[in-house]
Amino acid sequence: MEVKAVTRYVRISPQKVRMIIDAVKGKPVDAGINVLQFMPQKAAGILGKTLKSAVANADQQEIDVDSLFIKNIFVDQGPSLKRFRPRARGRGSRILKRTSHITVIVAEKTA
């Protein structure tokens, strides 16, 4: 059985989150949480919280938490906040502050 957790409108670029995803995809949940815990990136903390939320969702559906593995993690781009930075000669340049939607899917190992 599959269970998922979604974190939406996170103020981090999807490109930065995708760099961290490959380190945990396909691993058992406890190993994935352990790996994310010791990574210095901001995205690792956000992914860790979302992964723990997926485990809690599985626990609510009375699935054996010890047999869970990370089936899939993916990131979609959310809406961008558009800002302007003053430049020389009265001009302005656009700054895009990107947001992300993170989805974590965990599943039971079948024997």
N, C-alpha and C. Protein backbone atom coordinates (compact mmCIF):
# COMPACT_ATOMS: atom_id res chain seq x y z
N MET A 1 0.83 -1.17 0.00
CA MET A 1 0.00 0.00 0.00
C MET A 1 0.88 1.25 0.00
N GLU A 2 0.48 2.24 -0.75
CA GLU A 2 1.23 3.47 -0.86
C GLU A 2 0.60 4.57 -0.02
N VAL A 3 1.46 5.40 0.55
CA VAL A 3 1.01 6.55 1.31
C VAL A 3 1.86 7.73 0.87
N LYS A 4 1.25 8.92 0.79
CA LYS A 4 2.03 10.06 0.36
C LYS A 4 1.84 11.25 1.29
N ALA A 5 2.80 12.15 1.23
CA ALA A 5 2.74 13.42 1.94
C ALA A 5 3.18 14.50 0.97
N VAL A 6 2.50 15.64 1.00
CA VAL A 6 2.80 16.73 0.08
C VAL A 6 3.06 17.99 0.89
N THR A 7 4.16 18.67 0.57
CA THR A 7 4.45 19.97 1.14
C THR A 7 4.41 20.97 0.00
N ARG A 8 3.57 21.99 0.13
CA ARG A 8 3.37 22.92 -0.97
C ARG A 8 3.85 24.32 -0.60
N TYR A 9 4.20 25.07 -1.62
CA TYR A 9 4.62 26.48 -1.51
C TYR A 9 5.83 26.67 -0.61
N VAL A 10 6.82 25.78 -0.71
CA VAL A 10 8.05 25.90 0.06
C VAL A 10 8.94 26.92 -0.64
N ARG A 11 9.50 27.86 0.12
CA ARG A 11 10.31 28.93 -0.48
C ARG A 11 11.74 28.47 -0.74
N ILE A 12 11.89 27.55 -1.67
CA ILE A 12 13.20 27.09 -2.12
C ILE A 12 13.05 26.67 -3.58
N SER A 13 14.11 26.85 -4.33
CA SER A 13 14.07 26.52 -5.75
C SER A 13 13.96 25.01 -5.95
N PRO A 14 13.14 24.55 -6.89
CA PRO A 14 13.04 23.11 -7.15
C PRO A 14 14.36 22.49 -7.56
N GLN A 15 15.21 23.26 -8.23
CA GLN A 15 16.52 22.75 -8.67
C GLN A 15 17.37 22.36 -7.46
N LYS A 16 17.30 23.11 -6.39
CA LYS A 16 18.09 22.81 -5.20
C LYS A 16 17.56 21.58 -4.47
N VAL A 17 16.25 21.36 -4.53
CA VAL A 17 15.66 20.19 -3.87
C VAL A 17 15.99 18.93 -4.66
N ARG A 18 15.99 19.03 -5.99
CA ARG A 18 16.26 17.85 -6.83
C ARG A 18 17.67 17.30 -6.62
N MET A 19 18.62 18.15 -6.22
CA MET A 19 19.98 17.67 -5.97
C MET A 19 20.01 16.72 -4.78
N ILE A 20 19.11 16.90 -3.81
CA ILE A 20 19.10 16.11 -2.59
C ILE A 20 18.29 14.82 -2.77
N ILE A 21 17.31 14.83 -3.66
CA ILE A 21 16.37 13.72 -3.80
C ILE A 21 17.06 12.40 -4.13
N ASP A 22 18.06 12.43 -5.00
CA ASP A 22 18.70 11.18 -5.44
C ASP A 22 19.41 10.45 -4.31
N ALA A 23 19.75 11.15 -3.23
CA ALA A 23 20.45 10.53 -2.11
C ALA A 23 19.55 9.59 -1.31
N VAL A 24 18.23 9.80 -1.38
CA VAL A 24 17.33 9.01 -0.53
C VAL A 24 16.31 8.18 -1.29
N LYS A 25 16.12 8.43 -2.56
CA LYS A 25 15.09 7.71 -3.31
C LYS A 25 15.40 6.23 -3.38
N GLY A 26 14.44 5.37 -3.04
CA GLY A 26 14.60 3.93 -3.10
C GLY A 26 15.12 3.29 -1.83
N LYS A 27 15.51 4.09 -0.84
CA LYS A 27 16.06 3.55 0.40
C LYS A 27 14.95 3.27 1.41
N PRO A 28 15.23 2.45 2.43
CA PRO A 28 14.27 2.32 3.53
C PRO A 28 14.08 3.67 4.22
N VAL A 29 12.93 3.85 4.83
CA VAL A 29 12.58 5.13 5.42
C VAL A 29 13.55 5.54 6.52
N ASP A 30 13.91 4.61 7.41
CA ASP A 30 14.80 4.99 8.51
C ASP A 30 16.18 5.39 8.00
N ALA A 31 16.66 4.74 6.95
CA ALA A 31 17.95 5.12 6.36
C ALA A 31 17.85 6.48 5.68
N GLY A 32 16.74 6.73 5.03
CA GLY A 32 16.54 8.03 4.37
C GLY A 32 16.50 9.18 5.35
N ILE A 33 15.79 8.99 6.46
CA ILE A 33 15.73 10.03 7.49
C ILE A 33 17.12 10.27 8.08
N ASN A 34 17.86 9.19 8.28
CA ASN A 34 19.20 9.30 8.85
C ASN A 34 20.14 10.06 7.90
N VAL A 35 20.06 9.79 6.61
CA VAL A 35 20.91 10.48 5.64
C VAL A 35 20.57 11.97 5.59
N LEU A 36 19.27 12.29 5.55
CA LEU A 36 18.85 13.69 5.46
C LEU A 36 19.21 14.48 6.71
N GLN A 37 19.23 13.81 7.83
CA GLN A 37 19.50 14.48 9.10
C GLN A 37 20.90 15.08 9.14
N PHE A 38 21.86 14.46 8.46
CA PHE A 38 23.24 14.92 8.52
C PHE A 38 23.70 15.69 7.28
N MET A 39 22.76 16.06 6.42
CA MET A 39 23.10 16.89 5.26
C MET A 39 22.96 18.36 5.66
N PRO A 40 23.89 19.21 5.23
CA PRO A 40 23.85 20.62 5.64
C PRO A 40 22.88 21.50 4.85
N GLN A 41 22.32 21.01 3.77
CA GLN A 41 21.49 21.83 2.91
C GLN A 41 20.12 22.11 3.54
N LYS A 42 19.54 23.25 3.19
CA LYS A 42 18.21 23.61 3.66
C LYS A 42 17.17 22.62 3.14
N ALA A 43 17.34 22.17 1.90
CA ALA A 43 16.39 21.25 1.27
C ALA A 43 16.32 19.92 2.03
N ALA A 44 17.42 19.51 2.64
CA ALA A 44 17.44 18.24 3.38
C ALA A 44 16.50 18.31 4.58
N GLY A 45 16.48 19.43 5.27
CA GLY A 45 15.58 19.59 6.41
C GLY A 45 14.12 19.56 6.00
N ILE A 46 13.82 20.21 4.89
CA ILE A 46 12.44 20.24 4.38
C ILE A 46 12.01 18.85 3.93
N LEU A 47 12.89 18.14 3.21
CA LEU A 47 12.57 16.77 2.78
C LEU A 47 12.40 15.84 3.98
N GLY A 48 13.22 16.03 5.01
CA GLY A 48 13.10 15.22 6.22
C GLY A 48 11.75 15.37 6.89
N LYS A 49 11.28 16.62 6.98
CA LYS A 49 9.97 16.86 7.58
C LYS A 49 8.85 16.22 6.77
N THR A 50 8.95 16.32 5.44
CA THR A 50 7.92 15.74 4.58
C THR A 50 7.95 14.22 4.66
N LEU A 51 9.13 13.65 4.74
CA LEU A 51 9.27 12.19 4.86
C LEU A 51 8.69 11.69 6.19
N LYS A 52 8.95 12.42 7.27
CA LYS A 52 8.38 12.05 8.57
C LYS A 52 6.86 12.17 8.55
N SER A 53 6.34 13.14 7.82
CA SER A 53 4.90 13.29 7.68
C SER A 53 4.29 12.10 6.93
N ALA A 54 4.98 11.61 5.89
CA ALA A 54 4.49 10.45 5.15
C ALA A 54 4.49 9.20 6.04
N VAL A 55 5.51 9.08 6.90
CA VAL A 55 5.56 7.95 7.84
C VAL A 55 4.41 8.04 8.84
N ALA A 56 4.13 9.24 9.32
CA ALA A 56 3.01 9.43 10.26
C ALA A 56 1.68 9.12 9.59
N ASN A 57 1.54 9.49 8.31
CA ASN A 57 0.32 9.16 7.56
C ASN A 57 0.15 7.65 7.43
N ALA A 58 1.26 6.95 7.20
CA ALA A 58 1.21 5.49 7.10
C ALA A 58 0.85 4.87 8.44
N ASP A 59 1.36 5.44 9.52
CA ASP A 59 1.06 4.93 10.85
C ASP A 59 -0.44 5.10 11.18
N GLN A 60 -1.04 6.18 10.70
CA GLN A 60 -2.47 6.41 10.92
C GLN A 60 -3.33 5.40 10.17
N GLN A 61 -2.81 4.88 9.06
CA GLN A 61 -3.54 3.87 8.30
C GLN A 61 -3.17 2.46 8.74
N GLU A 62 -2.46 2.37 9.87
CA GLU A 62 -2.08 1.11 10.50
C GLU A 62 -1.26 0.22 9.56
N ILE A 63 -0.28 0.84 8.91
CA ILE A 63 0.69 0.13 8.08
C ILE A 63 1.95 -0.04 8.91
N ASP A 64 2.63 -1.19 8.75
CA ASP A 64 3.86 -1.44 9.49
C ASP A 64 4.94 -0.45 9.05
N VAL A 65 5.32 0.45 9.96
CA VAL A 65 6.26 1.52 9.64
C VAL A 65 7.66 0.99 9.38
N ASP A 66 8.02 -0.14 10.01
CA ASP A 66 9.36 -0.69 9.85
C ASP A 66 9.60 -1.27 8.45
N SER A 67 8.54 -1.58 7.72
CA SER A 67 8.71 -2.18 6.39
C SER A 67 8.54 -1.17 5.26
N LEU A 68 8.55 0.12 5.58
CA LEU A 68 8.35 1.14 4.55
C LEU A 68 9.67 1.48 3.84
N PHE A 69 9.55 1.80 2.56
CA PHE A 69 10.69 2.34 1.81
C PHE A 69 10.19 3.51 0.98
N ILE A 70 11.13 4.33 0.55
CA ILE A 70 10.78 5.53 -0.21
C ILE A 70 10.61 5.14 -1.67
N LYS A 71 9.37 5.07 -2.11
CA LYS A 71 9.10 4.64 -3.47
C LYS A 71 9.42 5.73 -4.48
N ASN A 72 9.01 6.96 -4.18
CA ASN A 72 9.25 8.05 -5.12
C ASN A 72 9.24 9.38 -4.38
N ILE A 73 10.07 10.29 -4.84
CA ILE A 73 10.03 11.68 -4.38
C ILE A 73 10.14 12.53 -5.63
N PHE A 74 9.26 13.52 -5.74
CA PHE A 74 9.41 14.44 -6.87
C PHE A 74 9.04 15.84 -6.44
N VAL A 75 9.55 16.79 -7.22
CA VAL A 75 9.37 18.21 -6.91
C VAL A 75 8.79 18.89 -8.14
N ASP A 76 7.74 19.66 -7.93
CA ASP A 76 7.16 20.48 -8.99
C ASP A 76 7.38 21.95 -8.63
N GLN A 77 7.41 22.78 -9.65
CA GLN A 77 7.59 24.20 -9.40
C GLN A 77 6.27 24.84 -9.03
N GLY A 78 6.30 25.63 -7.97
CA GLY A 78 5.14 26.39 -7.55
C GLY A 78 5.18 27.77 -8.17
N PRO A 79 4.31 28.65 -7.72
CA PRO A 79 4.32 30.01 -8.25
C PRO A 79 5.57 30.76 -7.81
N SER A 80 6.05 31.64 -8.68
CA SER A 80 7.25 32.43 -8.37
C SER A 80 6.83 33.81 -7.87
N LEU A 81 7.52 34.28 -6.83
CA LEU A 81 7.31 35.64 -6.35
C LEU A 81 8.17 36.56 -7.22
N LYS A 82 7.59 37.59 -7.79
CA LYS A 82 8.32 38.47 -8.70
C LYS A 82 8.70 39.75 -7.95
N ARG A 83 9.99 40.01 -7.92
CA ARG A 83 10.52 41.19 -7.23
C ARG A 83 11.43 41.95 -8.20
N PHE A 84 11.71 43.22 -7.86
CA PHE A 84 12.60 44.03 -8.69
C PHE A 84 13.75 44.55 -7.87
N ARG A 85 14.93 44.58 -8.50
CA ARG A 85 16.14 45.09 -7.86
C ARG A 85 16.57 46.34 -8.62
N PRO A 86 16.82 47.42 -7.89
CA PRO A 86 17.26 48.64 -8.58
C PRO A 86 18.63 48.46 -9.23
N ARG A 87 18.78 48.96 -10.43
CA ARG A 87 20.02 48.88 -11.17
C ARG A 87 20.47 50.28 -11.59
N ALA A 88 21.55 50.34 -12.29
CA ALA A 88 22.10 51.63 -12.70
C ALA A 88 21.18 52.35 -13.68
N ARG A 89 21.28 53.68 -13.69
CA ARG A 89 20.56 54.56 -14.60
C ARG A 89 19.05 54.44 -14.48
N GLY A 90 18.56 54.18 -13.29
CA GLY A 90 17.12 54.15 -13.06
C GLY A 90 16.40 52.92 -13.56
N ARG A 91 17.13 51.93 -13.93
CA ARG A 91 16.51 50.69 -14.42
C ARG A 91 16.20 49.77 -13.24
N GLY A 92 15.50 48.72 -13.55
CA GLY A 92 15.24 47.68 -12.56
C GLY A 92 15.34 46.32 -13.22
N SER A 93 15.89 45.35 -12.51
CA SER A 93 15.95 43.99 -13.06
C SER A 93 15.08 43.08 -12.21
N ARG A 94 14.49 42.12 -12.87
CA ARG A 94 13.55 41.23 -12.21
C ARG A 94 14.27 40.14 -11.44
N ILE A 95 13.76 39.82 -10.26
CA ILE A 95 14.24 38.70 -9.47
C ILE A 95 13.07 37.76 -9.28
N LEU A 96 13.27 36.47 -9.55
CA LEU A 96 12.24 35.46 -9.34
C LEU A 96 12.57 34.67 -8.08
N LYS A 97 11.71 34.73 -7.11
CA LYS A 97 11.89 33.94 -5.90
C LYS A 97 10.99 32.71 -6.07
N ARG A 98 11.62 31.60 -6.34
CA ARG A 98 10.88 30.40 -6.74
C ARG A 98 10.36 29.63 -5.53
N THR A 99 9.25 28.91 -5.75
CA THR A 99 8.68 28.04 -4.72
C THR A 99 8.56 26.63 -5.28
N SER A 100 8.38 25.66 -4.37
CA SER A 100 8.36 24.25 -4.75
C SER A 100 7.18 23.55 -4.11
N HIS A 101 6.71 22.51 -4.78
CA HIS A 101 5.75 21.56 -4.23
C HIS A 101 6.46 20.21 -4.16
N ILE A 102 6.64 19.67 -2.94
CA ILE A 102 7.38 18.43 -2.75
C ILE A 102 6.40 17.31 -2.42
N THR A 103 6.51 16.18 -3.12
CA THR A 103 5.67 15.02 -2.89
C THR A 103 6.55 13.82 -2.56
N VAL A 104 6.26 13.16 -1.44
CA VAL A 104 6.99 11.97 -1.02
C VAL A 104 6.01 10.81 -0.98
N ILE A 105 6.33 9.70 -1.66
CA ILE A 105 5.49 8.51 -1.67
C ILE A 105 6.28 7.37 -1.03
N VAL A 106 5.71 6.79 0.02
CA VAL A 106 6.33 5.63 0.66
C VAL A 106 5.41 4.43 0.47
N ALA A 107 6.00 3.24 0.43
CA ALA A 107 5.23 2.02 0.22
C ALA A 107 5.81 0.90 1.07
N GLU A 108 5.00 -0.14 1.28
CA GLU A 108 5.46 -1.31 2.02
C GLU A 108 6.28 -2.21 1.10
N LYS A 109 7.29 -2.83 1.68
CA LYS A 109 8.04 -3.84 0.93
C LYS A 109 7.21 -5.10 0.86
N THR A 110 7.08 -5.63 -0.34
CA THR A 110 6.34 -6.89 -0.49
C THR A 110 7.34 -8.04 -0.48
N ALA A 111 7.01 -9.06 0.27
CA ALA A 111 7.93 -10.19 0.42
C ALA A 111 7.91 -11.13 -0.76
